[in-house]
Amino acid sequence: MITQKAISLKIDTKLLEDLDAEARLGWKKRNAHINEAIRLYLLIKDKRRFIRLNPSIAYQRQQILELLGELVPESNAIFRS
């Protein structure tokens, strides 16, 4: 089953240099980093939309904590204690 699709994009030269430097630091290839960045971007857009649509401070706080947990998983231990 095909789970990927080739695309073409223009990327800022400095961003590409930074991305390649990050890829050299670990085992993930450039494509994996791009997919993760898009996933996180869409998650942030969704959370911001949910927060704007619901005036409840408790709900907004929960959405922010969930987002923080996705972006920085280590933060879960800090906010659960």
PDB file of N, CA and C in Angstrom:
ATOM      1  N   MET A   1       0.846  -1.174   0.000  1.00  0.00           N
ATOM      2  CA  MET A   1       0.000   0.000   0.000  1.00  0.00           C
ATOM      3  C   MET A   1       0.895   1.242   0.000  1.00  0.00           C
ATOM      4  N   ILE A   2       0.568   2.173  -0.843  1.00  0.00           N
ATOM      5  CA  ILE A   2       1.326   3.423  -0.932  1.00  0.00           C
ATOM      6  C   ILE A   2       0.858   4.357   0.175  1.00  0.00           C
ATOM      7  N   THR A   3       1.804   4.812   1.006  1.00  0.00           N
ATOM      8  CA  THR A   3       1.460   5.709   2.114  1.00  0.00           C
ATOM      9  C   THR A   3       2.120   7.073   1.979  1.00  0.00           C
ATOM     10  N   GLN A   4       2.882   7.257   0.910  1.00  0.00           N
ATOM     11  CA  GLN A   4       3.545   8.539   0.716  1.00  0.00           C
ATOM     12  C   GLN A   4       3.299   9.026  -0.700  1.00  0.00           C
ATOM     13  N   LYS A   5       3.450  10.328  -0.870  1.00  0.00           N
ATOM     14  CA  LYS A   5       3.295  10.926  -2.187  1.00  0.00           C
ATOM     15  C   LYS A   5       4.409  11.950  -2.368  1.00  0.00           C
ATOM     16  N   ALA A   6       5.066  11.909  -3.500  1.00  0.00           N
ATOM     17  CA  ALA A   6       6.139  12.849  -3.787  1.00  0.00           C
ATOM     18  C   ALA A   6       5.548  14.233  -4.052  1.00  0.00           C
ATOM     19  N   ILE A   7       6.177  15.250  -3.472  1.00  0.00           N
ATOM     20  CA  ILE A   7       5.775  16.629  -3.717  1.00  0.00           C
ATOM     21  C   ILE A   7       7.028  17.439  -4.008  1.00  0.00           C
ATOM     22  N   SER A   8       6.826  18.626  -4.482  1.00  0.00           N
ATOM     23  CA  SER A   8       7.929  19.546  -4.723  1.00  0.00           C
ATOM     24  C   SER A   8       7.630  20.823  -3.949  1.00  0.00           C
ATOM     25  N   LEU A   9       8.652  21.402  -3.362  1.00  0.00           N
ATOM     26  CA  LEU A   9       8.433  22.648  -2.637  1.00  0.00           C
ATOM     27  C   LEU A   9       9.676  23.516  -2.719  1.00  0.00           C
ATOM     28  N   LYS A  10       9.464  24.777  -2.478  1.00  0.00           N
ATOM     29  CA  LYS A  10      10.574  25.709  -2.382  1.00  0.00           C
ATOM     30  C   LYS A  10      10.768  25.998  -0.907  1.00  0.00           C
ATOM     31  N   ILE A  11      12.003  25.897  -0.454  1.00  0.00           N
ATOM     32  CA  ILE A  11      12.301  26.108   0.957  1.00  0.00           C
ATOM     33  C   ILE A  11      13.415  27.140   1.077  1.00  0.00           C
ATOM     34  N   ASP A  12      13.287  27.976   2.069  1.00  0.00           N
ATOM     35  CA  ASP A  12      14.311  28.982   2.339  1.00  0.00           C
ATOM     36  C   ASP A  12      15.664  28.292   2.510  1.00  0.00           C
ATOM     37  N   THR A  13      16.690  28.842   1.906  1.00  0.00           N
ATOM     38  CA  THR A  13      18.021  28.234   1.930  1.00  0.00           C
ATOM     39  C   THR A  13      18.523  28.003   3.348  1.00  0.00           C
ATOM     40  N   LYS A  14      18.347  28.964   4.223  1.00  0.00           N
ATOM     41  CA  LYS A  14      18.808  28.835   5.608  1.00  0.00           C
ATOM     42  C   LYS A  14      18.044  27.726   6.329  1.00  0.00           C
ATOM     43  N   LEU A  15      16.721  27.637   6.092  1.00  0.00           N
ATOM     44  CA  LEU A  15      15.939  26.560   6.701  1.00  0.00           C
ATOM     45  C   LEU A  15      16.436  25.195   6.226  1.00  0.00           C
ATOM     46  N   LEU A  16      16.752  25.088   4.952  1.00  0.00           N
ATOM     47  CA  LEU A  16      17.253  23.818   4.426  1.00  0.00           C
ATOM     48  C   LEU A  16      18.599  23.464   5.052  1.00  0.00           C
ATOM     49  N   GLU A  17      19.454  24.452   5.211  1.00  0.00           N
ATOM     50  CA  GLU A  17      20.742  24.201   5.871  1.00  0.00           C
ATOM     51  C   GLU A  17      20.531  23.715   7.305  1.00  0.00           C
ATOM     52  N   ASP A  18      19.620  24.372   8.026  1.00  0.00           N
ATOM     53  CA  ASP A  18      19.327  23.965   9.407  1.00  0.00           C
ATOM     54  C   ASP A  18      18.716  22.568   9.453  1.00  0.00           C
ATOM     55  N   LEU A  19      17.831  22.276   8.513  1.00  0.00           N
ATOM     56  CA  LEU A  19      17.202  20.954   8.445  1.00  0.00           C
ATOM     57  C   LEU A  19      18.250  19.876   8.168  1.00  0.00           C
ATOM     58  N   ASP A  20      19.131  20.128   7.232  1.00  0.00           N
ATOM     59  CA  ASP A  20      20.183  19.156   6.930  1.00  0.00           C
ATOM     60  C   ASP A  20      21.119  18.960   8.122  1.00  0.00           C
ATOM     61  N   ALA A  21      21.417  20.032   8.831  1.00  0.00           N
ATOM     62  CA  ALA A  21      22.259  19.918  10.026  1.00  0.00           C
ATOM     63  C   ALA A  21      21.562  19.059  11.077  1.00  0.00           C
ATOM     64  N   GLU A  22      20.269  19.255  11.263  1.00  0.00           N
ATOM     65  CA  GLU A  22      19.505  18.449  12.221  1.00  0.00           C
ATOM     66  C   GLU A  22      19.484  16.985  11.790  1.00  0.00           C
ATOM     67  N   ALA A  23      19.304  16.732  10.512  1.00  0.00           N
ATOM     68  CA  ALA A  23      19.282  15.350  10.007  1.00  0.00           C
ATOM     69  C   ALA A  23      20.625  14.661  10.233  1.00  0.00           C
ATOM     70  N   ARG A  24      21.711  15.408  10.135  1.00  0.00           N
ATOM     71  CA  ARG A  24      23.038  14.825  10.368  1.00  0.00           C
ATOM     72  C   ARG A  24      23.266  14.455  11.831  1.00  0.00           C
ATOM     73  N   LEU A  25      22.527  15.096  12.747  1.00  0.00           N
ATOM     74  CA  LEU A  25      22.718  14.840  14.173  1.00  0.00           C
ATOM     75  C   LEU A  25      22.144  13.510  14.640  1.00  0.00           C
ATOM     76  N   GLY A  26      21.179  12.993  13.914  1.00  0.00           N
ATOM     77  CA  GLY A  26      20.488  11.795  14.390  1.00  0.00           C
ATOM     78  C   GLY A  26      20.283  10.781  13.294  1.00  0.00           C
ATOM     79  N   TRP A  27      19.344   9.885  13.541  1.00  0.00           N
ATOM     80  CA  TRP A  27      19.084   8.803  12.594  1.00  0.00           C
ATOM     81  C   TRP A  27      17.947   9.109  11.643  1.00  0.00           C
ATOM     82  N   LYS A  28      17.210  10.194  11.880  1.00  0.00           N
ATOM     83  CA  LYS A  28      16.087  10.548  11.008  1.00  0.00           C
ATOM     84  C   LYS A  28      16.584  11.245   9.750  1.00  0.00           C
ATOM     85  N   LYS A  29      15.961  10.898   8.635  1.00  0.00           N
ATOM     86  CA  LYS A  29      16.286  11.564   7.377  1.00  0.00           C
ATOM     87  C   LYS A  29      15.480  12.859   7.245  1.00  0.00           C
ATOM     88  N   ARG A  30      15.859  13.644   6.281  1.00  0.00           N
ATOM     89  CA  ARG A  30      15.216  14.935   6.035  1.00  0.00           C
ATOM     90  C   ARG A  30      13.700  14.774   5.891  1.00  0.00           C
ATOM     91  N   ASN A  31      13.259  13.784   5.143  1.00  0.00           N
ATOM     92  CA  ASN A  31      11.838  13.568   4.904  1.00  0.00           C
ATOM     93  C   ASN A  31      11.077  13.338   6.212  1.00  0.00           C
ATOM     94  N   ALA A  32      11.649  12.575   7.132  1.00  0.00           N
ATOM     95  CA  ALA A  32      10.996  12.313   8.420  1.00  0.00           C
ATOM     96  C   ALA A  32      10.838  13.609   9.214  1.00  0.00           C
ATOM     97  N   HIS A  33      11.834  14.454   9.165  1.00  0.00           N
ATOM     98  CA  HIS A  33      11.758  15.741   9.869  1.00  0.00           C
ATOM     99  C   HIS A  33      10.674  16.630   9.246  1.00  0.00           C
ATOM    100  N   ILE A  34      10.573  16.630   7.917  1.00  0.00           N
ATOM    101  CA  ILE A  34       9.560  17.440   7.241  1.00  0.00           C
ATOM    102  C   ILE A  34       8.164  16.939   7.602  1.00  0.00           C
ATOM    103  N   ASN A  35       7.965  15.617   7.598  1.00  0.00           N
ATOM    104  CA  ASN A  35       6.667  15.057   7.976  1.00  0.00           C
ATOM    105  C   ASN A  35       6.300  15.413   9.408  1.00  0.00           C
ATOM    106  N   GLU A  36       7.259  15.333  10.312  1.00  0.00           N
ATOM    107  CA  GLU A  36       7.007  15.678  11.717  1.00  0.00           C
ATOM    108  C   GLU A  36       6.669  17.164  11.858  1.00  0.00           C
ATOM    109  N   ALA A  37       7.363  18.013  11.116  1.00  0.00           N
ATOM    110  CA  ALA A  37       7.090  19.452  11.173  1.00  0.00           C
ATOM    111  C   ALA A  37       5.675  19.759  10.684  1.00  0.00           C
ATOM    112  N   ILE A  38       5.247  19.106   9.632  1.00  0.00           N
ATOM    113  CA  ILE A  38       3.900  19.334   9.108  1.00  0.00           C
ATOM    114  C   ILE A  38       2.859  18.834  10.104  1.00  0.00           C
ATOM    115  N   ARG A  39       3.097  17.671  10.705  1.00  0.00           N
ATOM    116  CA  ARG A  39       2.176  17.131  11.705  1.00  0.00           C
ATOM    117  C   ARG A  39       2.022  18.094  12.873  1.00  0.00           C
ATOM    118  N   LEU A  40       3.140  18.619  13.366  1.00  0.00           N
ATOM    119  CA  LEU A  40       3.089  19.553  14.486  1.00  0.00           C
ATOM    120  C   LEU A  40       2.432  20.875  14.093  1.00  0.00           C
ATOM    121  N   TYR A  41       2.696  21.345  12.899  1.00  0.00           N
ATOM    122  CA  TYR A  41       2.071  22.578  12.413  1.00  0.00           C
ATOM    123  C   TYR A  41       0.549  22.431  12.404  1.00  0.00           C
ATOM    124  N   LEU A  42       0.065  21.307  11.873  1.00  0.00           N
ATOM    125  CA  LEU A  42      -1.380  21.078  11.810  1.00  0.00           C
ATOM    126  C   LEU A  42      -1.981  20.917  13.201  1.00  0.00           C
ATOM    127  N   LEU A  43      -1.254  20.288  14.103  1.00  0.00           N
ATOM    128  CA  LEU A  43      -1.714  20.150  15.481  1.00  0.00           C
ATOM    129  C   LEU A  43      -1.854  21.522  16.143  1.00  0.00           C
ATOM    130  N   ILE A  44      -0.864  22.369  15.963  1.00  0.00           N
ATOM    131  CA  ILE A  44      -0.905  23.723  16.525  1.00  0.00           C
ATOM    132  C   ILE A  44      -2.081  24.506  15.947  1.00  0.00           C
ATOM    133  N   LYS A  45      -2.281  24.423  14.634  1.00  0.00           N
ATOM    134  CA  LYS A  45      -3.401  25.133  14.009  1.00  0.00           C
ATOM    135  C   LYS A  45      -4.727  24.659  14.602  1.00  0.00           C
ATOM    136  N   ASP A  46      -4.898  23.349  14.783  1.00  0.00           N
ATOM    137  CA  ASP A  46      -6.126  22.806  15.370  1.00  0.00           C
ATOM    138  C   ASP A  46      -6.330  23.297  16.794  1.00  0.00           C
ATOM    139  N   LYS A  47      -5.294  23.218  17.615  1.00  0.00           N
ATOM    140  CA  LYS A  47      -5.417  23.643  19.014  1.00  0.00           C
ATOM    141  C   LYS A  47      -5.772  25.117  19.101  1.00  0.00           C
ATOM    142  N   ARG A  48      -5.150  25.951  18.279  1.00  0.00           N
ATOM    143  CA  ARG A  48      -5.464  27.382  18.292  1.00  0.00           C
ATOM    144  C   ARG A  48      -6.913  27.617  17.897  1.00  0.00           C
ATOM    145  N   ARG A  49      -7.390  26.854  16.922  1.00  0.00           N
ATOM    146  CA  ARG A  49      -8.789  26.975  16.485  1.00  0.00           C
ATOM    147  C   ARG A  49      -9.731  26.574  17.620  1.00  0.00           C
ATOM    148  N   PHE A  50      -9.447  25.450  18.274  1.00  0.00           N
ATOM    149  CA  PHE A  50     -10.280  24.994  19.390  1.00  0.00           C
ATOM    150  C   PHE A  50     -10.294  26.016  20.520  1.00  0.00           C
ATOM    151  N   ILE A  51      -9.152  26.589  20.815  1.00  0.00           N
ATOM    152  CA  ILE A  51      -9.056  27.588  21.897  1.00  0.00           C
ATOM    153  C   ILE A  51      -9.872  28.828  21.560  1.00  0.00           C
ATOM    154  N   ARG A  52      -9.784  29.297  20.319  1.00  0.00           N
ATOM    155  CA  ARG A  52     -10.546  30.491  19.919  1.00  0.00           C
ATOM    156  C   ARG A  52     -12.049  30.255  19.975  1.00  0.00           C
ATOM    157  N   LEU A  53     -12.479  29.037  19.699  1.00  0.00           N
ATOM    158  CA  LEU A  53     -13.912  28.741  19.635  1.00  0.00           C
ATOM    159  C   LEU A  53     -14.551  28.483  20.991  1.00  0.00           C
ATOM    160  N   ASN A  54     -13.743  28.224  22.013  1.00  0.00           N
ATOM    161  CA  ASN A  54     -14.300  27.903  23.325  1.00  0.00           C
ATOM    162  C   ASN A  54     -13.792  28.900  24.357  1.00  0.00           C
ATOM    163  N   PRO A  55     -14.678  29.708  24.944  1.00  0.00           N
ATOM    164  CA  PRO A  55     -14.249  30.746  25.884  1.00  0.00           C
ATOM    165  C   PRO A  55     -13.882  30.222  27.277  1.00  0.00           C
ATOM    166  N   SER A  56     -14.125  28.954  27.557  1.00  0.00           N
ATOM    167  CA  SER A  56     -13.834  28.414  28.875  1.00  0.00           C
ATOM    168  C   SER A  56     -12.325  28.386  29.137  1.00  0.00           C
ATOM    169  N   ILE A  57     -11.901  29.063  30.195  1.00  0.00           N
ATOM    170  CA  ILE A  57     -10.482  29.095  30.550  1.00  0.00           C
ATOM    171  C   ILE A  57      -9.977  27.691  30.863  1.00  0.00           C
ATOM    172  N   ALA A  58     -10.794  26.891  31.540  1.00  0.00           N
ATOM    173  CA  ALA A  58     -10.388  25.516  31.875  1.00  0.00           C
ATOM    174  C   ALA A  58     -10.154  24.709  30.599  1.00  0.00           C
ATOM    175  N   TYR A  59     -11.032  24.858  29.625  1.00  0.00           N
ATOM    176  CA  TYR A  59     -10.878  24.154  28.351  1.00  0.00           C
ATOM    177  C   TYR A  59      -9.628  24.642  27.617  1.00  0.00           C
ATOM    178  N   GLN A  60      -9.427  25.943  27.591  1.00  0.00           N
ATOM    179  CA  GLN A  60      -8.262  26.501  26.914  1.00  0.00           C
ATOM    180  C   GLN A  60      -6.970  26.010  27.567  1.00  0.00           C
ATOM    181  N   ARG A  61      -6.959  25.991  28.894  1.00  0.00           N
ATOM    182  CA  ARG A  61      -5.786  25.505  29.625  1.00  0.00           C
ATOM    183  C   ARG A  61      -5.514  24.043  29.269  1.00  0.00           C
ATOM    184  N   GLN A  62      -6.568  23.231  29.214  1.00  0.00           N
ATOM    185  CA  GLN A  62      -6.411  21.820  28.870  1.00  0.00           C
ATOM    186  C   GLN A  62      -5.831  21.657  27.464  1.00  0.00           C
ATOM    187  N   GLN A  63      -6.328  22.447  26.522  1.00  0.00           N
ATOM    188  CA  GLN A  63      -5.825  22.380  25.148  1.00  0.00           C
ATOM    189  C   GLN A  63      -4.344  22.761  25.086  1.00  0.00           C
ATOM    190  N   ILE A  64      -3.980  23.785  25.833  1.00  0.00           N
ATOM    191  CA  ILE A  64      -2.583  24.229  25.848  1.00  0.00           C
ATOM    192  C   ILE A  64      -1.687  23.160  26.473  1.00  0.00           C
ATOM    193  N   LEU A  65      -2.138  22.544  27.553  1.00  0.00           N
ATOM    194  CA  LEU A  65      -1.345  21.488  28.190  1.00  0.00           C
ATOM    195  C   LEU A  65      -1.205  20.279  27.268  1.00  0.00           C
ATOM    196  N   GLU A  66      -2.265  19.940  26.543  1.00  0.00           N
ATOM    197  CA  GLU A  66      -2.184  18.837  25.585  1.00  0.00           C
ATOM    198  C   GLU A  66      -1.185  19.163  24.477  1.00  0.00           C
ATOM    199  N   LEU A  67      -1.230  20.392  23.989  1.00  0.00           N
ATOM    200  CA  LEU A  67      -0.296  20.815  22.951  1.00  0.00           C
ATOM    201  C   LEU A  67       1.136  20.775  23.473  1.00  0.00           C
ATOM    202  N   LEU A  68       1.343  21.300  24.654  1.00  0.00           N
ATOM    203  CA  LEU A  68       2.679  21.286  25.238  1.00  0.00           C
ATOM    204  C   LEU A  68       3.178  19.850  25.402  1.00  0.00           C
ATOM    205  N   GLY A  69       2.283  18.954  25.806  1.00  0.00           N
ATOM    206  CA  GLY A  69       2.651  17.549  25.946  1.00  0.00           C
ATOM    207  C   GLY A  69       3.084  16.920  24.632  1.00  0.00           C
ATOM    208  N   GLU A  70       2.461  17.340  23.531  1.00  0.00           N
ATOM    209  CA  GLU A  70       2.854  16.841  22.210  1.00  0.00           C
ATOM    210  C   GLU A  70       4.191  17.427  21.770  1.00  0.00           C
ATOM    211  N   LEU A  71       4.367  18.728  22.016  1.00  0.00           N
ATOM    212  CA  LEU A  71       5.586  19.398  21.572  1.00  0.00           C
ATOM    213  C   LEU A  71       6.788  19.037  22.432  1.00  0.00           C
ATOM    214  N   VAL A  72       6.557  18.930  23.743  1.00  0.00           N
ATOM    215  CA  VAL A  72       7.635  18.642  24.697  1.00  0.00           C
ATOM    216  C   VAL A  72       7.135  17.543  25.638  1.00  0.00           C
ATOM    217  N   PRO A  73       7.232  16.285  25.234  1.00  0.00           N
ATOM    218  CA  PRO A  73       6.687  15.195  26.048  1.00  0.00           C
ATOM    219  C   PRO A  73       7.216  15.179  27.482  1.00  0.00           C
ATOM    220  N   GLU A  74       8.418  15.663  27.691  1.00  0.00           N
ATOM    221  CA  GLU A  74       8.991  15.690  29.038  1.00  0.00           C
ATOM    222  C   GLU A  74       8.200  16.597  29.976  1.00  0.00           C
ATOM    223  N   SER A  75       7.438  17.525  29.414  1.00  0.00           N
ATOM    224  CA  SER A  75       6.659  18.452  30.238  1.00  0.00           C
ATOM    225  C   SER A  75       5.491  17.764  30.938  1.00  0.00           C
ATOM    226  N   ASN A  76       5.061  16.608  30.435  1.00  0.00           N
ATOM    227  CA  ASN A  76       3.936  15.898  31.063  1.00  0.00           C
ATOM    228  C   ASN A  76       4.214  15.592  32.526  1.00  0.00           C
ATOM    229  N   ALA A  77       5.418  15.162  32.840  1.00  0.00           N
ATOM    230  CA  ALA A  77       5.765  14.834  34.220  1.00  0.00           C
ATOM    231  C   ALA A  77       5.752  16.084  35.098  1.00  0.00           C
ATOM    232  N   ILE A  78       6.129  17.204  34.551  1.00  0.00           N
ATOM    233  CA  ILE A  78       6.176  18.446  35.318  1.00  0.00           C
ATOM    234  C   ILE A  78       4.777  18.907  35.701  1.00  0.00           C
ATOM    235  N   PHE A  79       3.847  18.877  34.749  1.00  0.00           N
ATOM    236  CA  PHE A  79       2.510  19.415  34.997  1.00  0.00           C
ATOM    237  C   PHE A  79       1.576  18.419  35.657  1.00  0.00           C
ATOM    238  N   ARG A  80       1.961  17.163  35.736  1.00  0.00           N
ATOM    239  CA  ARG A  80       1.116  16.172  36.400  1.00  0.00           C
ATOM    240  C   ARG A  80       1.461  16.034  37.884  1.00  0.00           C
ATOM    241  N   SER A  81       2.570  16.619  38.296  1.00  0.00           N
ATOM    242  CA  SER A  81       2.966  16.494  39.715  1.00  0.00           C
ATOM    243  C   SER A  81       2.364  17.585  40.559  1.00  0.00           C
TER     244      SER A  81
END
